[in-house]
Amino acid sequence: QKAIGVVSVSTGMMGGIRAALAMQQLVLAIFGFPVPQMLPVGQVLQRFDEHGDLTDPGFEKNIGQFLRQFTWLAEAVAGKKQVLVPA
């Protein structure tokens, strides 16, 4: 049982949201804990350059929110595992 963050990428506007929704269902099927907020990256060619560097400073906020939620969930799951299975 692990926390899993779903990120999808597309050159289109929606950022692969349908694939991300399907992936969240898969995470549940393997008894994972999906982060409620997904990170769909639409128009990826406009958001990142050819080296993979972020060129859209406004999108950095989305990344930060996603990472904060992921970190919180991962720490919560890890903490619960320690309670259930002491070292």
C-alpha atoms as a PDB file:
ATOM      1  CA  GLN A   1       0.000   0.000   0.000  1.00  0.00           C
ATOM      2  CA  LYS A   2       1.582   3.180  -1.233  1.00  0.00           C
ATOM      3  CA  ALA A   3       0.624   6.734  -2.009  1.00  0.00           C
ATOM      4  CA  ILE A   4       0.603   7.244  -5.765  1.00  0.00           C
ATOM      5  CA  GLY A   5       0.383  10.523  -7.640  1.00  0.00           C
ATOM      6  CA  VAL A   6      -1.074  10.512 -11.138  1.00  0.00           C
ATOM      7  CA  VAL A   7       0.499  12.840 -13.716  1.00  0.00           C
ATOM      8  CA  SER A   8      -0.568  12.880 -17.360  1.00  0.00           C
ATOM      9  CA  VAL A   9       0.868  14.787 -20.301  1.00  0.00           C
ATOM     10  CA  SER A  10      -0.612  15.809 -23.630  1.00  0.00           C
ATOM     11  CA  THR A  11      -0.054  18.324 -26.378  1.00  0.00           C
ATOM     12  CA  GLY A  12      -3.802  19.038 -26.240  1.00  0.00           C
ATOM     13  CA  MET A  13      -5.703  21.308 -23.870  1.00  0.00           C
ATOM     14  CA  MET A  14      -6.927  18.638 -21.438  1.00  0.00           C
ATOM     15  CA  GLY A  15      -3.567  17.102 -20.604  1.00  0.00           C
ATOM     16  CA  GLY A  16      -4.664  13.484 -20.883  1.00  0.00           C
ATOM     17  CA  ILE A  17      -7.307  13.809 -18.172  1.00  0.00           C
ATOM     18  CA  ARG A  18      -9.210  10.710 -19.315  1.00  0.00           C
ATOM     19  CA  ALA A  19      -6.078   8.600 -19.061  1.00  0.00           C
ATOM     20  CA  ALA A  20      -5.395  10.093 -15.625  1.00  0.00           C
ATOM     21  CA  LEU A  21      -8.901   9.216 -14.421  1.00  0.00           C
ATOM     22  CA  ALA A  22      -8.433   5.646 -15.631  1.00  0.00           C
ATOM     23  CA  MET A  23      -5.053   5.499 -13.904  1.00  0.00           C
ATOM     24  CA  GLN A  24      -6.587   6.572 -10.588  1.00  0.00           C
ATOM     25  CA  GLN A  25      -9.002   3.651 -10.862  1.00  0.00           C
ATOM     26  CA  LEU A  26      -6.067   1.329 -11.532  1.00  0.00           C
ATOM     27  CA  VAL A  27      -4.277   2.652  -8.443  1.00  0.00           C
ATOM     28  CA  LEU A  28      -7.327   1.753  -6.351  1.00  0.00           C
ATOM     29  CA  ALA A  29      -7.466  -1.706  -7.947  1.00  0.00           C
ATOM     30  CA  ILE A  30      -3.911  -2.459  -6.780  1.00  0.00           C
ATOM     31  CA  PHE A  31      -4.742  -1.225  -3.260  1.00  0.00           C
ATOM     32  CA  GLY A  32      -2.787   1.991  -3.617  1.00  0.00           C
ATOM     33  CA  PHE A  33      -3.811   5.380  -2.323  1.00  0.00           C
ATOM     34  CA  PRO A  34      -4.162   7.891  -5.177  1.00  0.00           C
ATOM     35  CA  VAL A  35      -3.555  11.544  -4.416  1.00  0.00           C
ATOM     36  CA  PRO A  36      -6.969  13.203  -4.903  1.00  0.00           C
ATOM     37  CA  GLN A  37      -5.507  15.999  -7.025  1.00  0.00           C
ATOM     38  CA  MET A  38      -4.097  14.802 -10.329  1.00  0.00           C
ATOM     39  CA  LEU A  39      -1.576  16.779 -12.351  1.00  0.00           C
ATOM     40  CA  PRO A  40      -2.695  16.871 -15.986  1.00  0.00           C
ATOM     41  CA  VAL A  41      -0.150  18.762 -18.078  1.00  0.00           C
ATOM     42  CA  GLY A  42      -1.976  20.110 -21.108  1.00  0.00           C
ATOM     43  CA  GLN A  43      -0.175  21.910 -23.923  1.00  0.00           C
ATOM     44  CA  VAL A  44       3.080  20.406 -22.741  1.00  0.00           C
ATOM     45  CA  LEU A  45       5.061  21.891 -25.644  1.00  0.00           C
ATOM     46  CA  GLN A  46       4.160  25.390 -24.446  1.00  0.00           C
ATOM     47  CA  ARG A  47       4.874  24.641 -20.774  1.00  0.00           C
ATOM     48  CA  PHE A  48       8.307  23.031 -21.128  1.00  0.00           C
ATOM     49  CA  ASP A  49      11.233  23.658 -23.456  1.00  0.00           C
ATOM     50  CA  GLU A  50      13.210  21.047 -25.393  1.00  0.00           C
ATOM     51  CA  HIS A  51      15.428  20.441 -22.324  1.00  0.00           C
ATOM     52  CA  GLY A  52      12.463  19.716 -20.054  1.00  0.00           C
ATOM     53  CA  ASP A  53      12.676  23.029 -18.218  1.00  0.00           C
ATOM     54  CA  LEU A  54       9.425  24.688 -17.171  1.00  0.00           C
ATOM     55  CA  THR A  55       8.684  27.785 -19.254  1.00  0.00           C
ATOM     56  CA  ASP A  56       5.226  28.549 -17.827  1.00  0.00           C
ATOM     57  CA  PRO A  57       5.748  30.126 -14.393  1.00  0.00           C
ATOM     58  CA  GLY A  58       2.000  30.055 -13.709  1.00  0.00           C
ATOM     59  CA  PHE A  59       1.992  26.255 -13.909  1.00  0.00           C
ATOM     60  CA  GLU A  60       4.571  26.045 -11.129  1.00  0.00           C
ATOM     61  CA  LYS A  61       1.735  26.691  -8.637  1.00  0.00           C
ATOM     62  CA  ASN A  62      -0.096  23.566  -9.872  1.00  0.00           C
ATOM     63  CA  ILE A  63       3.049  21.493  -9.494  1.00  0.00           C
ATOM     64  CA  GLY A  64       3.592  22.802  -5.962  1.00  0.00           C
ATOM     65  CA  GLN A  65       0.024  22.025  -4.897  1.00  0.00           C
ATOM     66  CA  PHE A  66       0.262  18.521  -6.329  1.00  0.00           C
ATOM     67  CA  LEU A  67       3.588  17.833  -4.618  1.00  0.00           C
ATOM     68  CA  ARG A  68       2.318  19.129  -1.258  1.00  0.00           C
ATOM     69  CA  GLN A  69      -0.708  16.822  -1.437  1.00  0.00           C
ATOM     70  CA  PHE A  70       1.435  13.888  -2.510  1.00  0.00           C
ATOM     71  CA  THR A  71       3.955  14.469   0.284  1.00  0.00           C
ATOM     72  CA  TRP A  72       1.196  14.757   2.886  1.00  0.00           C
ATOM     73  CA  LEU A  73      -0.468  11.524   1.752  1.00  0.00           C
ATOM     74  CA  ALA A  74       2.829   9.621   1.487  1.00  0.00           C
ATOM     75  CA  GLU A  75       3.810  10.655   5.018  1.00  0.00           C
ATOM     76  CA  ALA A  76       0.347   9.750   6.352  1.00  0.00           C
ATOM     77  CA  VAL A  77       0.474   6.296   4.752  1.00  0.00           C
ATOM     78  CA  ALA A  78       4.034   5.698   5.982  1.00  0.00           C
ATOM     79  CA  GLY A  79       3.046   6.789   9.496  1.00  0.00           C
ATOM     80  CA  LYS A  80       0.083   4.432   9.526  1.00  0.00           C
ATOM     81  CA  LYS A  81       2.293   1.559   8.369  1.00  0.00           C
ATOM     82  CA  GLN A  82       4.625   2.173  11.322  1.00  0.00           C
ATOM     83  CA  VAL A  83       1.678   2.003  13.720  1.00  0.00           C
ATOM     84  CA  LEU A  84       0.350  -1.206  12.171  1.00  0.00           C
ATOM     85  CA  VAL A  85       3.721  -2.930  11.722  1.00  0.00           C
ATOM     86  CA  PRO A  86       6.175  -1.784  14.406  1.00  0.00           C
ATOM     87  CA  ALA A  87       9.861  -2.163  13.567  1.00  0.00           C
END
